[in-house]
Protein backbone atom coordinates (compact mmCIF):
# COMPACT_ATOMS: atom_id res chain seq x y z
CA UNK A 1 0.04 -0.07 0.03
CA UNK A 2 1.35 3.44 -1.02
CA UNK A 3 2.47 5.87 1.93
CA UNK A 4 -0.38 8.37 0.80
CA UNK A 5 -3.36 5.54 1.47
CA UNK A 6 -1.88 3.85 4.66
CA UNK A 7 -3.95 3.61 7.54
CA UNK A 8 -2.96 3.82 11.19
CA UNK A 9 -1.17 1.05 12.31
CA UNK A 10 -3.38 -1.57 14.09
CA UNK A 11 -2.28 -4.58 16.48
CA UNK A 12 -2.32 -8.11 15.15
CA UNK A 13 -5.19 -10.04 16.68
CA UNK A 14 -4.50 -12.69 19.15
CA UNK A 15 -5.53 -16.24 18.41
CA UNK A 16 -9.12 -16.90 19.34
CA UNK A 17 -9.62 -13.05 19.42
CA UNK A 18 -13.21 -11.99 17.63
CA UNK A 19 -12.59 -10.42 14.23
CA UNK A 20 -13.88 -10.20 10.96
CA UNK A 21 -12.91 -12.87 8.22
CA UNK A 22 -11.11 -10.20 6.26
CA UNK A 23 -9.23 -9.23 9.38
CA UNK A 24 -8.64 -12.77 10.12
CA UNK A 25 -7.26 -12.87 6.46
CA UNK A 26 -4.79 -10.03 6.93
CA UNK A 27 -3.47 -11.74 10.33
CA UNK A 28 -2.99 -15.06 8.16
CA UNK A 29 -1.12 -13.49 5.43
CA UNK A 30 1.35 -11.79 8.19
CA UNK A 31 1.78 -15.08 10.06
CA UNK A 32 2.89 -16.61 6.33
CA UNK A 33 5.44 -13.84 6.44
CA UNK A 34 3.92 -12.15 3.31
CA UNK A 35 5.11 -8.61 3.09
CA UNK A 36 3.88 -7.49 -0.51
CA UNK A 37 0.60 -7.82 -2.41
CA UNK A 38 -0.48 -7.23 -5.88
CA UNK A 39 -3.82 -6.45 -6.77
CA UNK A 40 -6.84 -4.06 -7.81
CA UNK A 41 -9.82 -3.30 -5.32
CA UNK A 42 -13.48 -3.66 -6.75
CA UNK A 43 -16.58 -4.25 -4.71
CA UNK A 44 -16.39 -7.91 -3.89
CA UNK A 45 -13.10 -7.90 -2.22
CA UNK A 46 -13.56 -4.24 -0.65
CA UNK A 47 -13.58 -5.48 2.95
CA UNK A 48 -10.13 -6.98 2.52
CA UNK A 49 -8.76 -4.10 1.09
CA UNK A 50 -10.62 -2.04 4.20
CA UNK A 51 -9.01 -4.54 6.64
CA UNK A 52 -5.60 -4.02 4.58
CA UNK A 53 -5.83 0.07 4.80
CA UNK A 54 -6.70 -0.31 8.93
CA UNK A 55 -3.82 -2.73 9.71
CA UNK A 56 -1.51 -0.65 7.67
CA UNK A 57 1.65 -2.64 7.66
CA UNK A 58 1.49 -4.60 4.54
CA UNK A 59 2.72 -3.34 1.07
CA UNK A 60 0.25 -3.26 -1.50
CA UNK A 61 1.15 -2.71 -5.28
CA UNK A 62 -1.84 -1.25 -7.36
CA UNK A 63 -1.54 -2.89 -10.78
CA UNK A 64 -3.33 -1.76 -14.36
CA UNK A 65 -4.52 -4.89 -14.82
CA UNK A 66 -5.31 -8.12 -12.65
CA UNK A 67 -3.05 -10.30 -15.35
CA UNK A 68 -0.10 -7.96 -14.31
CA UNK A 69 -1.01 -8.60 -10.52
CA UNK A 70 -0.43 -12.69 -11.38
CA UNK A 71 2.59 -12.14 -13.39
CA UNK A 72 4.21 -9.73 -10.73
CA UNK A 73 3.19 -12.31 -8.07
CA UNK A 74 5.15 -14.88 -10.09
CA UNK A 75 8.17 -13.00 -10.75
CA UNK A 76 8.52 -12.30 -6.80
CA UNK A 77 7.93 -16.03 -6.36
CA UNK A 78 10.64 -16.92 -8.87
CA UNK A 79 13.30 -14.72 -7.21
CA UNK A 80 12.54 -15.22 -3.50
CA UNK A 81 11.50 -18.89 -3.62
CA UNK A 82 8.21 -17.82 -1.41
CA UNK A 83 4.85 -17.69 -2.38
CA UNK A 84 3.91 -14.34 -4.26
CA UNK A 85 0.22 -13.13 -3.29
CA UNK A 86 -2.53 -11.42 -5.39
CA UNK A 87 -5.75 -9.82 -4.82
CA UNK A 88 -8.57 -9.48 -7.31
CA UNK A 89 -12.47 -8.74 -6.95
CA UNK A 90 -15.08 -10.99 -8.57
CA UNK A 91 -16.19 -11.72 -11.99
CA UNK A 92 -13.84 -9.99 -14.29
CA UNK A 93 -11.16 -9.30 -11.56
CA UNK A 94 -10.81 -12.66 -10.93
CA UNK A 95 -11.08 -13.91 -14.62
CA UNK A 96 -8.56 -11.65 -15.44
CA UNK A 97 -5.86 -13.60 -13.21
CA UNK A 98 -6.73 -17.06 -15.13
CA UNK A 99 -3.68 -16.48 -17.68
CA UNK A 100 -1.17 -15.70 -14.61
CA UNK A 101 -2.16 -18.53 -12.64
CA UNK A 102 -2.05 -21.13 -15.83
CA UNK A 103 1.64 -19.66 -16.37
CA UNK A 104 2.56 -20.52 -12.74
CA UNK A 105 1.12 -24.08 -12.92
CA UNK A 106 2.99 -24.80 -15.83
CA UNK A 107 6.01 -23.35 -14.44
CA UNK A 108 5.46 -24.66 -11.03
CA UNK A 109 5.48 -21.54 -9.28
CA UNK A 110 4.09 -20.91 -5.74
CA UNK A 111 1.43 -18.06 -5.85
CA UNK A 112 -1.74 -17.46 -3.78
CA UNK A 113 -4.58 -15.93 -5.34
CA UNK A 114 -7.45 -14.53 -3.03
CA UNK A 115 -10.50 -13.05 -5.16
CA UNK A 116 -13.57 -11.56 -4.10
CA UNK A 117 -16.99 -13.15 -4.76
CA UNK A 118 -20.51 -12.29 -4.58
CA UNK A 119 -22.34 -13.17 -1.26
CA UNK A 120 -23.19 -16.67 -0.67
CA UNK A 121 -26.78 -16.16 -1.03
CA UNK A 122 -26.35 -14.84 -4.13
CA UNK A 123 -24.14 -17.65 -5.89
CA UNK A 124 -25.35 -19.27 -8.70
CA UNK A 125 -28.05 -16.50 -9.37
CA UNK A 126 -25.91 -14.41 -12.23
CA UNK A 127 -25.18 -11.81 -9.65
CA UNK A 128 -23.79 -8.48 -10.84
CA UNK A 129 -19.77 -9.45 -11.28
CA UNK A 130 -20.40 -13.11 -10.45
CA UNK A 131 -18.19 -15.83 -12.15
CA UNK A 132 -17.60 -19.44 -10.98
CA UNK A 133 -14.33 -18.80 -10.22
CA UNK A 134 -13.48 -22.08 -8.32
CA UNK A 135 -14.74 -23.82 -11.52
CA UNK A 136 -12.95 -21.73 -13.94
CA UNK A 137 -9.67 -21.83 -11.89
CA UNK A 138 -9.68 -25.44 -11.15
CA UNK A 139 -7.65 -26.43 -14.16
CA UNK A 140 -5.03 -23.91 -13.53
CA UNK A 141 -4.52 -24.27 -9.88
CA UNK A 142 -2.95 -26.91 -7.77
CA UNK A 143 -6.17 -26.13 -5.34
CA UNK A 144 -8.62 -23.99 -4.86
CA UNK A 145 -11.27 -23.14 -2.35
CA UNK A 146 -14.94 -21.36 -2.26
CA UNK A 147 -15.20 -20.18 1.83
CA UNK A 148 -18.82 -20.41 2.79
CA UNK A 149 -17.77 -19.40 6.50
CA UNK A 150 -15.73 -17.12 7.89
CA UNK A 151 -14.22 -19.68 10.55
CA UNK A 152 -13.09 -21.91 7.50
CA UNK A 153 -10.81 -18.83 6.61
CA UNK A 154 -7.74 -19.06 8.87
CA UNK A 155 -7.17 -22.77 8.35
CA UNK A 156 -7.83 -22.38 4.52
CA UNK A 157 -5.40 -19.81 4.18
CA UNK A 158 -2.61 -21.86 6.00
CA UNK A 159 -3.20 -24.70 4.03
CA UNK A 160 -3.09 -22.58 0.77
CA UNK A 161 0.67 -21.47 1.43
CA UNK A 162 1.48 -25.04 2.51
CA UNK A 163 0.09 -26.66 -0.79
CA UNK A 164 1.71 -23.42 -2.82
CA UNK A 165 5.25 -24.12 -1.78
CA UNK A 166 5.52 -27.92 -0.70
CA UNK A 167 5.75 -30.81 -3.20
CA UNK A 168 5.68 -29.56 -6.50
CA UNK A 169 5.10 -26.08 -6.02
CA UNK A 170 2.06 -24.19 -8.03
CA UNK A 171 -0.98 -21.68 -7.49
CA UNK A 172 -3.62 -21.94 -5.00
CA UNK A 173 -6.81 -19.71 -5.25
CA UNK A 174 -9.22 -18.66 -2.43
CA UNK A 175 -12.55 -17.47 -3.43
CA UNK A 176 -14.06 -15.23 -0.64
CA UNK A 177 -17.58 -14.16 -0.76
CA UNK A 178 -18.33 -10.72 0.48
CA UNK A 179 -20.60 -11.83 3.58
CA UNK A 180 -17.67 -14.26 4.86
CA UNK A 181 -15.34 -11.44 4.58
CA UNK A 182 -17.46 -9.51 6.76
CA UNK A 183 -18.72 -12.11 9.20
CA UNK A 184 -17.12 -12.43 12.62
CA UNK A 185 -14.65 -15.64 13.50
CA UNK A 186 -12.96 -16.59 16.57
CA UNK A 187 -11.10 -19.35 14.85
CA UNK A 188 -7.29 -18.94 15.37
CA UNK A 189 -4.38 -19.14 12.72
CA UNK A 190 -3.05 -22.89 12.67
CA UNK A 191 0.63 -22.98 13.45
CA UNK A 192 1.02 -26.41 11.73
CA UNK A 193 -0.87 -27.79 8.58
CA UNK A 194 -1.21 -31.50 7.94
CA UNK A 195 -3.59 -32.19 5.26
CA UNK A 196 -4.90 -36.10 5.12
CA UNK A 197 -3.68 -37.87 1.80
CA UNK A 198 -1.15 -35.03 0.98
CA UNK A 199 2.30 -36.12 1.96
CA UNK A 200 4.85 -35.17 -0.84
CA UNK A 201 7.98 -37.53 -0.73
CA UNK A 202 11.30 -35.50 -0.50
CA UNK A 203 13.80 -38.69 0.51
CA UNK A 204 14.42 -40.73 -2.37
CA UNK A 205 14.19 -44.30 -1.89
CA UNK A 206 17.71 -45.88 -1.21
CA UNK A 207 17.18 -48.94 -3.59
CA UNK A 208 16.14 -46.60 -6.40
CA UNK A 209 19.35 -44.60 -5.82
CA UNK A 210 21.43 -47.41 -5.73
CA UNK A 211 20.17 -48.82 -9.05
CA UNK A 212 20.60 -45.11 -10.59
CA UNK A 213 24.45 -45.40 -9.17
CA UNK A 214 24.88 -48.91 -10.87
CA UNK A 215 23.42 -47.75 -14.18
CA UNK A 216 25.57 -44.75 -14.23
CA UNK A 217 28.89 -46.18 -13.52
CA UNK A 218 28.16 -48.64 -16.45
CA UNK A 219 27.44 -46.11 -19.12
CA UNK A 220 29.76 -45.16 -21.88
CA UNK A 221 27.96 -42.01 -22.94
CA UNK A 222 25.85 -40.36 -20.08
CA UNK A 223 24.29 -36.85 -19.98
CA UNK A 224 22.45 -35.02 -17.33
CA UNK A 225 19.30 -33.36 -18.28
CA UNK A 226 18.44 -30.54 -15.67
CA UNK A 227 15.21 -28.96 -15.33
CA UNK A 228 13.39 -25.71 -13.51
CA UNK A 229 13.11 -28.57 -10.45
CA UNK A 230 16.62 -28.05 -9.74
CA UNK A 231 16.18 -24.29 -8.93
CA UNK A 232 13.06 -24.86 -6.96
CA UNK A 233 14.54 -27.36 -4.97
CA UNK A 234 17.56 -25.06 -4.35
CA UNK A 235 19.75 -28.22 -5.36
CA UNK A 236 22.05 -26.27 -8.01
CA UNK A 237 25.27 -26.73 -5.75
CA UNK A 238 24.64 -30.77 -5.68
CA UNK A 239 24.28 -30.72 -9.48
CA UNK A 240 27.32 -28.92 -9.88
CA UNK A 241 29.39 -30.96 -7.43
CA UNK A 242 28.15 -34.10 -8.95
CA UNK A 243 28.64 -33.21 -12.44
CA UNK A 244 32.16 -32.18 -11.22
CA UNK A 245 33.08 -35.20 -9.40
CA UNK A 246 32.15 -37.53 -12.56
CA UNK A 247 32.88 -34.95 -15.31
CA UNK A 248 29.10 -35.20 -16.27
CA UNK A 249 28.18 -33.19 -19.17
CA UNK A 250 24.98 -31.11 -18.48
CA UNK A 251 22.23 -29.72 -20.40
CA UNK A 252 19.88 -27.15 -18.83
CA UNK A 253 16.35 -26.68 -19.89
CA UNK A 254 14.83 -23.29 -20.82
CA UNK A 255 13.46 -23.32 -17.02
CA UNK A 256 16.50 -24.73 -15.73
CA UNK A 257 18.76 -22.15 -17.30
CA UNK A 258 20.96 -20.55 -14.00
CA UNK A 259 21.01 -24.20 -12.37
CA UNK A 260 24.58 -24.84 -14.01
CA UNK A 261 26.78 -21.97 -15.07
CA UNK A 262 26.37 -22.05 -18.82
CA UNK A 263 30.17 -21.26 -19.27
CA UNK A 264 31.13 -24.28 -17.25
CA UNK A 265 33.18 -26.86 -19.35
CA UNK A 266 30.76 -29.48 -18.66
CA UNK A 267 27.92 -27.15 -19.74
CA UNK A 268 26.00 -27.99 -23.04
CA UNK A 269 23.55 -25.15 -23.11
CA UNK A 270 19.80 -25.82 -23.86
CA UNK A 271 18.21 -28.54 -25.67
CA UNK A 272 15.13 -28.79 -28.02
CA UNK A 273 13.54 -26.66 -30.71
CA UNK A 274 15.82 -23.89 -30.11
CA UNK A 275 18.76 -25.48 -28.25
CA UNK A 276 22.32 -25.82 -29.27
CA UNK A 277 23.33 -28.12 -31.67
CA UNK A 278 25.76 -29.88 -29.66
CA UNK A 279 23.13 -30.27 -26.66
CA UNK A 280 20.62 -31.90 -29.36
CA UNK A 281 23.20 -34.40 -30.69
CA UNK A 282 24.39 -35.12 -27.06
CA UNK A 283 21.06 -36.22 -25.95
CA UNK A 284 20.46 -37.97 -29.24
CA UNK A 285 23.64 -40.24 -28.87
CA UNK A 286 23.73 -40.24 -25.49
CA UNK A 287 23.15 -43.89 -23.85
CA UNK A 288 22.11 -42.64 -20.21
CA UNK A 289 20.19 -39.75 -19.39
CA UNK A 290 19.84 -38.35 -15.77
CA UNK A 291 17.02 -36.48 -16.11
CA UNK A 292 16.47 -34.24 -12.93
CA UNK A 293 13.22 -31.73 -12.41
CA UNK A 294 12.15 -31.63 -16.05
CA UNK A 295 9.04 -32.48 -17.49
CA UNK A 296 10.40 -33.59 -20.91
CA UNK A 297 8.04 -31.62 -22.70
CA UNK A 298 7.58 -31.73 -26.29
CA UNK A 299 9.66 -28.63 -26.81
CA UNK A 300 12.41 -30.81 -25.38
CA UNK A 301 11.93 -34.10 -27.17
CA UNK A 302 10.27 -33.31 -30.35
CA UNK A 303 9.55 -36.75 -32.13
CA UNK A 304 9.67 -39.10 -29.04
CA UNK A 305 10.82 -42.10 -31.01
CA UNK A 306 14.05 -40.16 -32.20
CA UNK A 307 14.82 -37.96 -29.03
CA UNK A 308 17.29 -40.35 -27.09
CA UNK A 309 16.84 -43.88 -28.84
CA UNK A 310 19.78 -45.43 -27.57
CA UNK A 311 19.32 -43.89 -23.92
CA UNK A 312 18.41 -45.81 -20.60
CA UNK A 313 16.54 -42.94 -18.34
CA UNK A 314 16.85 -42.01 -14.72
CA UNK A 315 14.40 -39.76 -13.81
CA UNK A 316 14.08 -37.91 -10.57
CA UNK A 317 10.91 -35.70 -9.73
CA UNK A 318 9.00 -34.66 -6.87
CA UNK A 319 5.74 -35.16 -8.54
CA UNK A 320 5.55 -39.12 -9.53
CA UNK A 321 2.92 -38.34 -12.10
CA UNK A 322 5.50 -36.82 -14.15
CA UNK A 323 7.86 -39.95 -14.35
CA UNK A 324 7.11 -42.25 -17.24
CA UNK A 325 4.76 -39.63 -18.77
CA UNK A 326 6.44 -38.91 -21.78
CA UNK A 327 9.17 -41.60 -22.11
CA UNK A 328 9.82 -45.21 -20.48
CA UNK A 329 12.07 -44.72 -17.32
CA UNK A 330 14.42 -47.54 -16.22
CA UNK A 331 14.83 -45.99 -12.83
CA UNK A 332 12.30 -43.71 -11.38
CA UNK A 333 13.19 -42.15 -8.45
CA UNK A 334 10.30 -39.84 -6.52
CA UNK A 335 11.53 -37.17 -4.40
CA UNK A 336 13.06 -33.77 -4.14
CA UNK A 337 16.20 -33.04 -6.26
CA UNK A 338 18.44 -31.69 -3.50
CA UNK A 339 18.38 -34.78 -1.06
CA UNK A 340 18.44 -37.10 -3.82
CA UNK A 341 21.46 -35.40 -5.67
CA UNK A 342 23.21 -35.36 -2.40
CA UNK A 343 22.60 -39.18 -1.96
CA UNK A 344 24.00 -39.77 -5.59
CA UNK A 345 27.18 -37.45 -4.75
CA UNK A 346 27.87 -39.28 -1.86
CA UNK A 347 27.46 -42.77 -3.52
CA UNK A 348 29.74 -41.86 -6.39
CA UNK A 349 32.27 -40.40 -3.75
CA UNK A 350 32.55 -44.13 -2.60
CA UNK A 351 33.49 -45.74 -6.35
CA UNK A 352 36.93 -47.32 -6.11
CA UNK A 353 37.73 -45.97 -9.43
CA UNK A 354 35.76 -43.46 -11.75
CA UNK A 355 34.50 -44.22 -15.28
CA UNK A 356 36.77 -43.26 -18.39
CA UNK A 357 34.42 -41.02 -20.45
CA UNK A 358 37.36 -39.23 -22.28
CA UNK A 359 36.20 -40.47 -25.70
CA UNK A 360 32.77 -39.26 -24.98
CA UNK A 361 34.14 -36.03 -24.05
CA UNK A 362 35.89 -35.88 -27.16
CA UNK A 363 32.97 -36.29 -29.18
CA UNK A 364 31.34 -33.57 -27.59
CA UNK A 365 33.94 -31.33 -28.05
CA UNK A 366 33.77 -32.07 -31.91
CA UNK A 367 30.08 -31.29 -31.97
CA UNK A 368 30.81 -28.09 -30.11
CA UNK A 369 33.01 -26.87 -33.07
CA UNK A 370 30.83 -27.88 -35.55
CA UNK A 371 27.65 -26.35 -34.22
CA UNK A 372 28.61 -23.24 -32.59
CA UNK A 373 26.05 -20.59 -31.64
CA UNK A 374 26.95 -17.82 -34.17
CA UNK A 375 25.56 -14.80 -36.53
CA UNK A 376 26.78 -12.45 -39.00
CA UNK A 377 27.13 -8.77 -38.00
CA UNK A 378 25.95 -6.14 -39.97
CA UNK A 379 27.36 -2.52 -40.08
CA UNK A 380 24.45 -0.74 -40.49
CA UNK A 381 21.67 -2.82 -38.65
CA UNK A 382 21.23 -3.92 -34.88
CA UNK A 383 20.78 -7.81 -34.78
CA UNK A 384 18.81 -9.28 -31.96
CA UNK A 385 21.71 -11.36 -30.77
CA UNK A 386 23.92 -8.08 -30.32
CA UNK A 387 20.96 -6.61 -27.82
CA UNK A 388 21.48 -10.02 -25.58
CA UNK A 389 25.32 -9.96 -25.86
CA UNK A 390 25.59 -6.11 -25.04
CA UNK A 391 23.26 -6.59 -21.91
CA UNK A 392 25.04 -10.04 -20.77
CA UNK A 393 28.52 -7.86 -20.92
CA UNK A 394 26.98 -4.97 -18.85
CA UNK A 395 25.33 -6.99 -15.85
CA UNK A 396 27.20 -8.79 -13.11
CA UNK A 397 26.16 -12.44 -11.85
CA UNK A 398 23.62 -11.40 -9.45
CA UNK A 399 21.35 -9.36 -12.07
CA UNK A 400 18.12 -10.81 -12.96
CA UNK A 401 17.02 -11.25 -16.78
CA UNK A 402 13.47 -11.53 -17.42
CA UNK A 403 12.02 -12.18 -21.21
CA UNK A 404 8.51 -11.99 -22.75
CA UNK A 405 8.04 -14.87 -25.10
CA UNK A 406 8.87 -14.93 -28.96
CA UNK A 407 12.12 -14.78 -30.65
CA UNK A 408 13.62 -12.54 -28.46
CA UNK A 409 13.16 -15.04 -25.48
CA UNK A 410 14.89 -17.69 -27.43
CA UNK A 411 17.89 -15.19 -28.12
CA UNK A 412 18.06 -14.47 -24.51
CA UNK A 413 18.01 -18.15 -23.49
CA UNK A 414 20.73 -18.92 -26.25
CA UNK A 415 23.14 -15.71 -25.92
CA UNK A 416 22.94 -14.65 -21.99
CA UNK A 417 25.45 -16.54 -19.64
CA UNK A 418 23.54 -17.64 -16.79
CA UNK A 419 25.51 -18.40 -14.30
CA UNK A 420 23.08 -18.73 -10.74
CA UNK A 421 19.59 -19.93 -10.40
CA UNK A 422 16.93 -17.55 -9.97
CA UNK A 423 18.57 -15.12 -12.30
CA UNK A 424 16.26 -16.07 -15.17
CA UNK A 425 12.35 -15.44 -15.28
CA UNK A 426 10.36 -16.47 -18.14
CA UNK A 427 6.97 -18.06 -19.45
CA UNK A 428 8.11 -21.51 -20.32
CA UNK A 429 5.46 -24.08 -20.36
CA UNK A 430 2.44 -21.58 -21.45
CA UNK A 431 4.56 -19.19 -23.08
CA UNK A 432 2.52 -16.18 -22.15
CA UNK A 433 3.21 -13.22 -24.24
CA UNK A 434 3.10 -9.77 -21.96
CA UNK A 435 4.80 -11.93 -19.14
CA UNK A 436 8.14 -9.72 -19.17
CA UNK A 437 7.42 -6.26 -17.79
CA UNK A 438 4.97 -7.18 -14.68
CA UNK A 439 7.38 -10.27 -13.89
CA UNK A 440 10.26 -7.90 -13.79
CA UNK A 441 8.61 -5.43 -11.61
CA UNK A 442 7.63 -8.31 -9.12
CA UNK A 443 11.47 -9.42 -9.28
CA UNK A 444 12.87 -6.02 -8.70
CA UNK A 445 10.31 -5.44 -5.55
CA UNK A 446 11.62 -8.87 -4.34
CA UNK A 447 15.24 -7.86 -4.85
CA UNK A 448 15.94 -4.36 -5.03
CA UNK A 449 19.42 -4.58 -4.43
CA UNK A 450 19.92 -6.62 -7.65
CA UNK A 451 19.75 -5.19 -11.52
CA UNK A 452 16.56 -6.43 -13.41
CA UNK A 453 16.61 -6.09 -17.20
CA UNK A 454 13.65 -7.23 -19.27
CA UNK A 455 14.38 -8.22 -22.71
CA UNK A 456 11.01 -7.88 -24.66
CA UNK A 457 9.33 -7.85 -28.05
CA UNK A 458 7.49 -5.04 -29.63
CA UNK A 459 4.30 -7.62 -29.68
CA UNK A 460 5.02 -9.03 -26.20
CA UNK A 461 5.56 -5.76 -24.37
CA UNK A 462 2.24 -4.03 -25.89
CA UNK A 463 0.12 -6.83 -24.19
CA UNK A 464 0.87 -5.54 -20.64
CA UNK A 465 2.31 -2.05 -21.40
CA UNK A 466 -0.18 -0.46 -18.76
CA UNK A 467 2.05 -1.96 -16.13
CA UNK A 468 4.62 1.26 -16.85
CA UNK A 469 2.56 3.29 -14.86
CA UNK A 470 2.59 0.66 -11.94
CA UNK A 471 6.58 0.87 -12.11
CA UNK A 472 6.34 4.60 -12.28
CA UNK A 473 3.87 4.91 -9.26
CA UNK A 474 6.29 2.83 -7.15
CA UNK A 475 9.12 4.16 -9.06
CA UNK A 476 10.47 0.48 -9.95
CA UNK A 477 13.99 0.96 -11.63
CA UNK A 478 13.60 -1.80 -14.23
CA UNK A 479 15.30 -1.68 -17.62
CA UNK A 480 13.18 -2.88 -20.62
CA UNK A 481 15.25 -3.49 -24.17
CA UNK A 482 12.44 -3.89 -26.63
CA UNK A 483 13.76 -6.00 -29.63
CA UNK A 484 11.66 -4.28 -32.06
CA UNK A 485 11.25 -6.01 -35.25
CA UNK A 486 8.14 -4.59 -35.98
CA UNK A 487 6.38 -8.18 -36.33
CA UNK A 488 5.46 -11.00 -34.39
CA UNK A 489 8.48 -12.61 -35.23
CA UNK A 490 8.50 -16.16 -34.12
CA UNK A 491 5.11 -16.53 -36.17
CA UNK A 492 6.60 -14.58 -39.07
CA UNK A 493 9.87 -16.95 -38.79
CA UNK A 494 7.57 -19.96 -39.34
CA UNK A 495 5.81 -18.18 -42.21
CA UNK A 496 8.99 -17.53 -44.02
CA UNK A 497 10.38 -21.10 -43.62
CA UNK A 498 7.13 -23.23 -43.97
CA UNK A 499 4.47 -20.79 -45.60
CA UNK A 500 6.02 -19.70 -48.46
CA UNK A 501 6.62 -16.16 -47.24
CA UNK A 502 2.87 -15.41 -46.47
CA UNK A 503 3.14 -13.15 -43.73
CA UNK A 504 -0.42 -13.47 -42.61
CA UNK A 505 -1.30 -10.95 -39.84
CA UNK A 506 2.14 -10.63 -38.58
CA UNK A 507 3.41 -7.40 -39.58
CA UNK A 508 3.03 -4.92 -36.65
CA UNK A 509 3.09 -0.96 -36.67
CA UNK A 510 4.24 -0.37 -33.09
CA UNK A 511 3.90 2.92 -31.36
CA UNK A 512 7.21 4.76 -30.55
CA UNK A 513 7.62 2.88 -27.48
CA UNK A 514 10.27 5.56 -26.15
CA UNK A 515 7.77 8.37 -26.40
CA UNK A 516 5.00 5.98 -24.90
CA UNK A 517 7.12 5.41 -21.74
CA UNK A 518 7.93 9.15 -21.55
CA UNK A 519 4.12 9.78 -21.58
CA UNK A 520 3.97 7.27 -18.36
CA UNK A 521 6.14 9.19 -16.81
CA UNK A 522 9.20 6.63 -17.18
CA UNK A 523 12.77 7.11 -19.18
CA UNK A 524 12.92 6.31 -22.77
CA UNK A 525 15.54 6.05 -25.71
CA UNK A 526 15.36 4.89 -29.29
CA UNK A 527 18.03 3.02 -30.44
CA UNK A 528 18.66 2.46 -34.01
CA UNK A 529 22.23 1.74 -35.07
CA UNK A 530 24.89 -0.73 -33.87
CA UNK A 531 27.11 2.08 -32.57
CA UNK A 532 24.42 3.52 -30.26
CA UNK A 533 23.57 0.30 -28.51
CA UNK A 534 25.96 0.00 -25.74
CA UNK A 535 25.87 3.77 -24.74
CA UNK A 536 22.29 3.46 -24.59
CA UNK A 537 22.16 0.61 -22.34
CA UNK A 538 24.77 2.19 -20.17
CA UNK A 539 22.43 5.01 -19.94
CA UNK A 540 19.40 3.06 -19.14
CA UNK A 541 21.26 1.11 -16.26
CA UNK A 542 22.53 4.20 -14.88
CA UNK A 543 19.59 6.50 -15.08
CA UNK A 544 17.17 3.92 -13.98
CA UNK A 545 18.88 3.39 -10.77
CA UNK A 546 19.64 7.12 -10.40
CA UNK A 547 16.24 8.47 -11.00
CA UNK A 548 14.29 5.50 -9.60
CA UNK A 549 12.51 5.19 -12.78
CA UNK A 550 11.77 2.32 -15.16
CA UNK A 551 13.68 2.90 -18.81
CA UNK A 552 12.55 1.75 -22.03
CA UNK A 553 14.75 1.17 -24.89
CA UNK A 554 13.10 0.80 -28.35
CA UNK A 555 15.80 -1.13 -30.38
CA UNK A 556 15.33 -1.06 -33.89
CA UNK A 557 16.42 -4.64 -35.06
CA UNK A 558 16.77 -6.36 -38.34
CA UNK A 559 13.09 -8.19 -38.75
CA UNK A 560 14.30 -10.87 -41.20
CA UNK A 561 16.47 -12.25 -38.44
CA UNK A 562 15.54 -15.53 -37.51
CA UNK A 563 16.37 -17.83 -34.50
CA UNK A 564 18.81 -20.74 -35.38
CA UNK A 565 19.26 -23.60 -34.35
CA UNK A 566 15.76 -24.82 -35.25
CA UNK A 567 13.81 -27.87 -35.22
CA UNK A 568 11.12 -27.97 -37.90
CA UNK A 569 7.65 -29.25 -36.58
CA UNK A 570 7.15 -32.94 -37.11
CA UNK A 571 11.00 -33.49 -37.46
CA UNK A 572 13.42 -35.18 -35.07
CA UNK A 573 15.29 -33.00 -33.06
CA UNK A 574 18.84 -34.43 -34.79
CA UNK A 575 17.62 -32.66 -37.88
CA UNK A 576 17.69 -29.39 -36.96
CA UNK A 577 18.40 -26.33 -39.10
CA UNK A 578 21.42 -24.16 -38.50
CA UNK A 579 20.48 -21.33 -40.72
CA UNK A 580 23.14 -22.01 -43.43
CA UNK A 581 20.53 -24.45 -45.28
CA UNK A 582 19.32 -21.26 -46.91
CA UNK A 583 22.29 -19.25 -47.36
């Protein structure tokens, strides 16, 4: 809540003391350690906002659109590891959260949504601003609640936070009718939560770990495929130690970038549709794949039968439903990546001798030389890859890089040097355009001491551009570098390669984003030539912190540039295009 609207502080209610449901909600949020809330008020959620105002200690960020609130809470959660919290009123306020909730569940991000609802007596009567929020959000939440009595609220809130952050993290929603918010309750906030039938497994089964070690030791061409689950489990150090002990090559998924230093000698980069050629080759030819915290989604595997045809799989995941869902697994290990990788590390340290994988490493190095990432610079035109590389040179390892969705997202994943976990925020599973700016705001509010840069596309940025007003209002110094190719670039690339240059509805005529930023009260500059790029980025990083304002760089790039490597749809990954084919 801004200082202009903050009410006088009130003491927290004691356990068992009579208070309204809304007051019990604020008490419960404080008990969960919540410091920042993102949302928009409205009729059905007004009692909660009144209690928030009167309590006075929690910070509330008014957003331009509820989708922005969801992405800000998501960005906050990815940086801190703690659940982000969003508020919305009933009907359209709640339904506007759906895209953000779907983004969070696809990427396993812990967020808690609290939505107002019409009074219980009106539910089902098509009341003003009524929607079946529980039914609508059931497919995009880990769990959700429709409360009927104020006495249910303290326990439901504690359960929501427990569910959001435990096991496989994800979004949880509480739908709160207005009369429940106003009703009195003496129900205390529970100190501990125990849910019957919900007992996530964290420690891997010793017998399965033993089998995995035996299979690993007998391999000739092993690879680790490490996903976002490694970051969620805080297991990056265990991954690094295991890889270095055994000299295991590591492929990091899009969501896993940062779980292993990308410039490490054992790193092969990203797999899949726009992965590195040497990562794709390594996965295709390996005889053992140690999969950790990854869903093995279609963007990674491509044609399943030809993804890793000779590999035996060891699959570690805290969610048992993911193991064997896509590919057959030789050794399934259900549990948290951190203790399981720790157990594998301990077991491998006890080996009398280490396997000799020198021939495999020689082959990997040959593929590195054969399929390097690269592009042809132009003297008079900025290329998108140059934008990412200049950002990379100017930021330190503690910085946070955020992206929208599209070509710019893939270039960021390919050309930025990710060295630390929780330094990369992007919508991987859902591919949500518009994610970048609000997620960057949430990230900066979560870690104000860290630099936050959003690399966005002109199409993606336009979808949540109203959150510039939020960043200005709260003086959030994020830098947005718009890779402006004046089109919906990824779709245009497909139209160029597979639809005979029929550019159906992909050409955009975006506004001058630098001027739009200035109209919002932010700082803006247009960048058109290669020699202007680095000075402009330096100016943006300097002035955003000096003036505590967002900065938008409208960077005009070559619209014809394509993302390579690329796997054509329906083709096995190993048939990736390098860009040299057209040349």
